[in-house]
C-alpha cells in the first residue's frame, strides 16, 4: 500500500470529518465514525475521497 501514515493522519471523511483507516483488504479507506460508515475506494493507489464514490459498509 502506497498510502503513507503521514497522509492517513491528514485525510478525513469529507462527509463527517472523522479520521479514516485502511481496510484490511487494502481496497479502500473506512471512516472511523460508526454512524457514517462510508468506505472510499482506492484506485491505482490513489484514494478517491468523494462522497459520491463511497459505499456504506456496516
PDB file of N, CA and C in Angstrom:
ATOM      1  N   UNK A   1       0.855  -1.181   0.000  1.00  0.00           N
ATOM      2  CA  UNK A   1       0.000   0.000   0.000  1.00  0.00           C
ATOM      3  C   UNK A   1       0.887   1.226   0.000  1.00  0.00           C
ATOM      4  N   UNK A   2       0.603   2.123  -0.896  1.00  0.00           N
ATOM      5  CA  UNK A   2       1.430   3.310  -1.066  1.00  0.00           C
ATOM      6  C   UNK A   2       0.966   4.493  -0.214  1.00  0.00           C
ATOM      7  N   UNK A   3      -0.102   4.336   0.555  1.00  0.00           N
ATOM      8  CA  UNK A   3      -0.569   5.453   1.377  1.00  0.00           C
ATOM      9  C   UNK A   3       0.259   5.498   2.653  1.00  0.00           C
ATOM     10  N   UNK A   4       0.929   6.606   2.841  1.00  0.00           N
ATOM     11  CA  UNK A   4       1.827   6.741   3.986  1.00  0.00           C
ATOM     12  C   UNK A   4       1.047   7.031   5.266  1.00  0.00           C
ATOM     13  N   UNK A   5       1.623   6.697   6.416  1.00  0.00           N
ATOM     14  CA  UNK A   5       0.988   7.026   7.696  1.00  0.00           C
ATOM     15  C   UNK A   5       0.766   8.531   7.862  1.00  0.00           C
ATOM     16  N   UNK A   6       1.662   9.326   7.303  1.00  0.00           N
ATOM     17  CA  UNK A   6       1.517  10.785   7.388  1.00  0.00           C
ATOM     18  C   UNK A   6       0.271  11.255   6.640  1.00  0.00           C
ATOM     19  N   UNK A   7       0.032  10.676   5.462  1.00  0.00           N
ATOM     20  CA  UNK A   7      -1.151  11.036   4.689  1.00  0.00           C
ATOM     21  C   UNK A   7      -2.421  10.594   5.411  1.00  0.00           C
ATOM     22  N   UNK A   8      -2.395   9.407   6.005  1.00  0.00           N
ATOM     23  CA  UNK A   8      -3.565   8.929   6.740  1.00  0.00           C
ATOM     24  C   UNK A   8      -3.917   9.846   7.909  1.00  0.00           C
ATOM     25  N   UNK A   9      -2.922  10.458   8.522  1.00  0.00           N
ATOM     26  CA  UNK A   9      -3.176  11.404   9.613  1.00  0.00           C
ATOM     27  C   UNK A   9      -3.879  12.657   9.114  1.00  0.00           C
ATOM     28  N   UNK A  10      -3.638  13.027   7.870  1.00  0.00           N
ATOM     29  CA  UNK A  10      -4.215  14.246   7.298  1.00  0.00           C
ATOM     30  C   UNK A  10      -5.612  13.997   6.735  1.00  0.00           C
ATOM     31  N   UNK A  11      -5.805  12.848   6.078  1.00  0.00           N
ATOM     32  CA  UNK A  11      -7.079  12.568   5.407  1.00  0.00           C
ATOM     33  C   UNK A  11      -8.228  12.464   6.398  1.00  0.00           C
ATOM     34  N   UNK A  12      -9.368  13.016   6.010  1.00  0.00           N
ATOM     35  CA  UNK A  12     -10.590  12.959   6.809  1.00  0.00           C
ATOM     36  C   UNK A  12     -11.761  12.618   5.899  1.00  0.00           C
ATOM     37  N   UNK A  13     -12.776  12.026   6.466  1.00  0.00           N
ATOM     38  CA  UNK A  13     -14.002  11.740   5.734  1.00  0.00           C
ATOM     39  C   UNK A  13     -14.617  13.068   5.307  1.00  0.00           C
ATOM     40  N   UNK A  14     -14.873  13.253   4.016  1.00  0.00           N
ATOM     41  CA  UNK A  14     -15.456  14.511   3.557  1.00  0.00           C
ATOM     42  C   UNK A  14     -16.876  14.751   4.079  1.00  0.00           C
ATOM     43  N   UNK A  15     -17.572  13.699   4.456  1.00  0.00           N
ATOM     44  CA  UNK A  15     -18.953  13.850   4.925  1.00  0.00           C
ATOM     45  C   UNK A  15     -19.016  14.279   6.389  1.00  0.00           C
ATOM     46  N   UNK A  16     -18.283  13.575   7.273  1.00  0.00           N
ATOM     47  CA  UNK A  16     -18.418  13.846   8.709  1.00  0.00           C
ATOM     48  C   UNK A  16     -17.144  14.381   9.358  1.00  0.00           C
ATOM     49  N   UNK A  17     -16.054  14.425   8.609  1.00  0.00           N
ATOM     50  CA  UNK A  17     -14.759  14.963   9.064  1.00  0.00           C
ATOM     51  C   UNK A  17     -14.029  14.076  10.076  1.00  0.00           C
ATOM     52  N   UNK A  18     -14.435  12.810  10.196  1.00  0.00           N
ATOM     53  CA  UNK A  18     -13.739  11.869  11.074  1.00  0.00           C
ATOM     54  C   UNK A  18     -12.500  11.314  10.379  1.00  0.00           C
ATOM     55  N   UNK A  19     -11.622  10.691  11.152  1.00  0.00           N
ATOM     56  CA  UNK A  19     -10.438  10.051  10.584  1.00  0.00           C
ATOM     57  C   UNK A  19     -10.853   8.854   9.738  1.00  0.00           C
ATOM     58  N   UNK A  20      -9.963   8.448   8.851  1.00  0.00           N
ATOM     59  CA  UNK A  20     -10.174   7.246   8.048  1.00  0.00           C
ATOM     60  C   UNK A  20      -9.023   6.283   8.303  1.00  0.00           C
ATOM     61  N   UNK A  21      -9.280   5.001   8.062  1.00  0.00           N
ATOM     62  CA  UNK A  21      -8.219   3.999   8.174  1.00  0.00           C
ATOM     63  C   UNK A  21      -8.319   3.045   6.995  1.00  0.00           C
ATOM     64  N   UNK A  22      -7.206   2.414   6.676  1.00  0.00           N
ATOM     65  CA  UNK A  22      -7.156   1.485   5.545  1.00  0.00           C
ATOM     66  C   UNK A  22      -7.895   0.201   5.904  1.00  0.00           C
ATOM     67  N   UNK A  23      -8.764  -0.269   4.996  1.00  0.00           N
ATOM     68  CA  UNK A  23      -9.432  -1.554   5.195  1.00  0.00           C
ATOM     69  C   UNK A  23      -8.383  -2.664   5.207  1.00  0.00           C
ATOM     70  N   UNK A  24      -8.703  -3.762   5.871  1.00  0.00           N
ATOM     71  CA  UNK A  24      -7.746  -4.863   5.963  1.00  0.00           C
ATOM     72  C   UNK A  24      -7.384  -5.441   4.601  1.00  0.00           C
ATOM     73  N   UNK A  25      -8.314  -5.386   3.644  1.00  0.00           N
ATOM     74  CA  UNK A  25      -8.003  -5.898   2.303  1.00  0.00           C
ATOM     75  C   UNK A  25      -7.361  -4.831   1.406  1.00  0.00           C
ATOM     76  N   UNK A  26      -7.141  -3.634   1.960  1.00  0.00           N
ATOM     77  CA  UNK A  26      -6.454  -2.516   1.296  1.00  0.00           C
ATOM     78  C   UNK A  26      -7.145  -2.028   0.021  1.00  0.00           C
ATOM     79  N   UNK A  27      -8.468  -2.205  -0.060  1.00  0.00           N
ATOM     80  CA  UNK A  27      -9.206  -1.746  -1.239  1.00  0.00           C
ATOM     81  C   UNK A  27      -9.873  -0.398  -1.027  1.00  0.00           C
ATOM     82  N   UNK A  28      -9.813   0.102   0.190  1.00  0.00           N
ATOM     83  CA  UNK A  28     -10.470   1.369   0.466  1.00  0.00           C
ATOM     84  C   UNK A  28     -10.094   1.939   1.814  1.00  0.00           C
ATOM     85  N   UNK A  29     -10.592   3.145   2.065  1.00  0.00           N
ATOM     86  CA  UNK A  29     -10.402   3.825   3.342  1.00  0.00           C
ATOM     87  C   UNK A  29     -11.755   3.906   4.029  1.00  0.00           C
ATOM     88  N   UNK A  30     -11.814   3.402   5.249  1.00  0.00           N
ATOM     89  CA  UNK A  30     -13.062   3.354   6.004  1.00  0.00           C
ATOM     90  C   UNK A  30     -13.117   4.513   6.991  1.00  0.00           C
ATOM     91  N   UNK A  31     -14.249   5.201   7.026  1.00  0.00           N
ATOM     92  CA  UNK A  31     -14.473   6.249   8.013  1.00  0.00           C
ATOM     93  C   UNK A  31     -14.554   5.592   9.390  1.00  0.00           C
ATOM     94  N   UNK A  32     -13.905   6.189  10.390  1.00  0.00           N
ATOM     95  CA  UNK A  32     -13.895   5.611  11.731  1.00  0.00           C
ATOM     96  C   UNK A  32     -15.155   5.936  12.529  1.00  0.00           C
ATOM     97  N   UNK A  33     -16.014   6.793  12.010  1.00  0.00           N
ATOM     98  CA  UNK A  33     -17.269   7.141  12.670  1.00  0.00           C
ATOM     99  C   UNK A  33     -18.299   6.060  12.342  1.00  0.00           C
ATOM    100  N   UNK A  34     -18.733   5.311  13.347  1.00  0.00           N
ATOM    101  CA  UNK A  34     -19.662   4.195  13.128  1.00  0.00           C
ATOM    102  C   UNK A  34     -20.992   4.648  12.533  1.00  0.00           C
ATOM    103  N   UNK A  35     -21.422   5.868  12.826  1.00  0.00           N
ATOM    104  CA  UNK A  35     -22.681   6.365  12.277  1.00  0.00           C
ATOM    105  C   UNK A  35     -22.559   6.704  10.792  1.00  0.00           C
ATOM    106  N   UNK A  36     -21.392   7.075  10.352  1.00  0.00           N
ATOM    107  CA  UNK A  36     -21.154   7.419   8.947  1.00  0.00           C
ATOM    108  C   UNK A  36     -20.896   6.143   8.140  1.00  0.00           C
ATOM    109  N   UNK A  37     -19.874   5.386   8.522  1.00  0.00           N
ATOM    110  CA  UNK A  37     -19.535   4.076   7.945  1.00  0.00           C
ATOM    111  C   UNK A  37     -19.289   4.078   6.438  1.00  0.00           C
ATOM    112  N   UNK A  38     -18.830   5.184   5.877  1.00  0.00           N
ATOM    113  CA  UNK A  38     -18.530   5.215   4.449  1.00  0.00           C
ATOM    114  C   UNK A  38     -17.152   4.622   4.177  1.00  0.00           C
ATOM    115  N   UNK A  39     -17.030   3.983   3.027  1.00  0.00           N
ATOM    116  CA  UNK A  39     -15.750   3.439   2.574  1.00  0.00           C
ATOM    117  C   UNK A  39     -15.423   4.090   1.239  1.00  0.00           C
ATOM    118  N   UNK A  40     -14.275   4.741   1.195  1.00  0.00           N
ATOM    119  CA  UNK A  40     -13.818   5.429  -0.013  1.00  0.00           C
ATOM    120  C   UNK A  40     -12.858   4.508  -0.754  1.00  0.00           C
ATOM    121  N   UNK A  41     -13.089   4.277  -2.044  1.00  0.00           N
ATOM    122  CA  UNK A  41     -12.248   3.334  -2.788  1.00  0.00           C
ATOM    123  C   UNK A  41     -10.832   3.860  -3.005  1.00  0.00           C
ATOM    124  N   UNK A  42      -9.916   2.920  -3.167  1.00  0.00           N
ATOM    125  CA  UNK A  42      -8.544   3.245  -3.565  1.00  0.00           C
ATOM    126  C   UNK A  42      -8.383   2.694  -4.976  1.00  0.00           C
ATOM    127  N   UNK A  43      -8.082   3.581  -5.918  1.00  0.00           N
ATOM    128  CA  UNK A  43      -7.912   3.182  -7.322  1.00  0.00           C
ATOM    129  C   UNK A  43      -6.521   3.578  -7.785  1.00  0.00           C
ATOM    130  N   UNK A  44      -5.784   2.626  -8.292  1.00  0.00           N
ATOM    131  CA  UNK A  44      -4.409   2.860  -8.745  1.00  0.00           C
ATOM    132  C   UNK A  44      -3.588   3.543  -7.654  1.00  0.00           C
ATOM    133  N   UNK A  45      -3.768   3.067  -6.408  1.00  0.00           N
ATOM    134  CA  UNK A  45      -3.051   3.555  -5.228  1.00  0.00           C
ATOM    135  C   UNK A  45      -3.386   4.999  -4.860  1.00  0.00           C
ATOM    136  N   UNK A  46      -4.526   5.510  -5.367  1.00  0.00           N
ATOM    137  CA  UNK A  46      -4.971   6.871  -5.059  1.00  0.00           C
ATOM    138  C   UNK A  46      -6.334   6.788  -4.377  1.00  0.00           C
ATOM    139  N   UNK A  47      -6.457   7.332  -3.156  1.00  0.00           N
ATOM    140  CA  UNK A  47      -7.763   7.329  -2.500  1.00  0.00           C
ATOM    141  C   UNK A  47      -8.727   8.296  -3.189  1.00  0.00           C
ATOM    142  N   UNK A  48      -9.924   7.809  -3.467  1.00  0.00           N
ATOM    143  CA  UNK A  48     -10.954   8.632  -4.101  1.00  0.00           C
ATOM    144  C   UNK A  48     -11.865   9.136  -2.975  1.00  0.00           C
ATOM    145  N   UNK A  49     -11.596  10.341  -2.504  1.00  0.00           N
ATOM    146  CA  UNK A  49     -12.280  10.893  -1.333  1.00  0.00           C
ATOM    147  C   UNK A  49     -13.497  11.725  -1.738  1.00  0.00           C
ATOM    148  N   UNK A  50     -14.387  11.105  -2.495  1.00  0.00           N
ATOM    149  CA  UNK A  50     -15.622  11.751  -2.932  1.00  0.00           C
ATOM    150  C   UNK A  50     -16.802  10.993  -2.334  1.00  0.00           C
ATOM    151  N   UNK A  51     -17.708  11.707  -1.689  1.00  0.00           N
ATOM    152  CA  UNK A  51     -18.876  11.070  -1.080  1.00  0.00           C
ATOM    153  C   UNK A  51     -19.664  10.297  -2.129  1.00  0.00           C
ATOM    154  N   UNK A  52     -19.733  10.831  -3.341  1.00  0.00           N
ATOM    155  CA  UNK A  52     -20.482  10.176  -4.418  1.00  0.00           C
ATOM    156  C   UNK A  52     -19.884   8.825  -4.814  1.00  0.00           C
ATOM    157  N   UNK A  53     -18.605   8.626  -4.575  1.00  0.00           N
ATOM    158  CA  UNK A  53     -17.924   7.376  -4.932  1.00  0.00           C
ATOM    159  C   UNK A  53     -17.883   6.383  -3.770  1.00  0.00           C
ATOM    160  N   UNK A  54     -18.235   6.820  -2.581  1.00  0.00           N
ATOM    161  CA  UNK A  54     -18.147   5.982  -1.385  1.00  0.00           C
ATOM    162  C   UNK A  54     -19.303   4.992  -1.318  1.00  0.00           C
ATOM    163  N   UNK A  55     -19.064   3.903  -0.599  1.00  0.00           N
ATOM    164  CA  UNK A  55     -20.105   2.919  -0.328  1.00  0.00           C
ATOM    165  C   UNK A  55     -20.305   2.843   1.181  1.00  0.00           C
ATOM    166  N   UNK A  56     -21.482   2.400   1.590  1.00  0.00           N
ATOM    167  CA  UNK A  56     -21.772   2.246   3.019  1.00  0.00           C
ATOM    168  C   UNK A  56     -21.457   0.814   3.411  1.00  0.00           C
ATOM    169  N   UNK A  57     -20.691   0.664   4.483  1.00  0.00           N
ATOM    170  CA  UNK A  57     -20.320  -0.660   4.962  1.00  0.00           C
ATOM    171  C   UNK A  57     -20.478  -0.672   6.474  1.00  0.00           C
ATOM    172  N   UNK A  58     -21.404  -1.454   6.960  1.00  0.00           N
ATOM    173  CA  UNK A  58     -21.656  -1.505   8.416  1.00  0.00           C
ATOM    174  C   UNK A  58     -21.231  -2.820   8.988  1.00  0.00           C
TER     175      UNK A  58
END
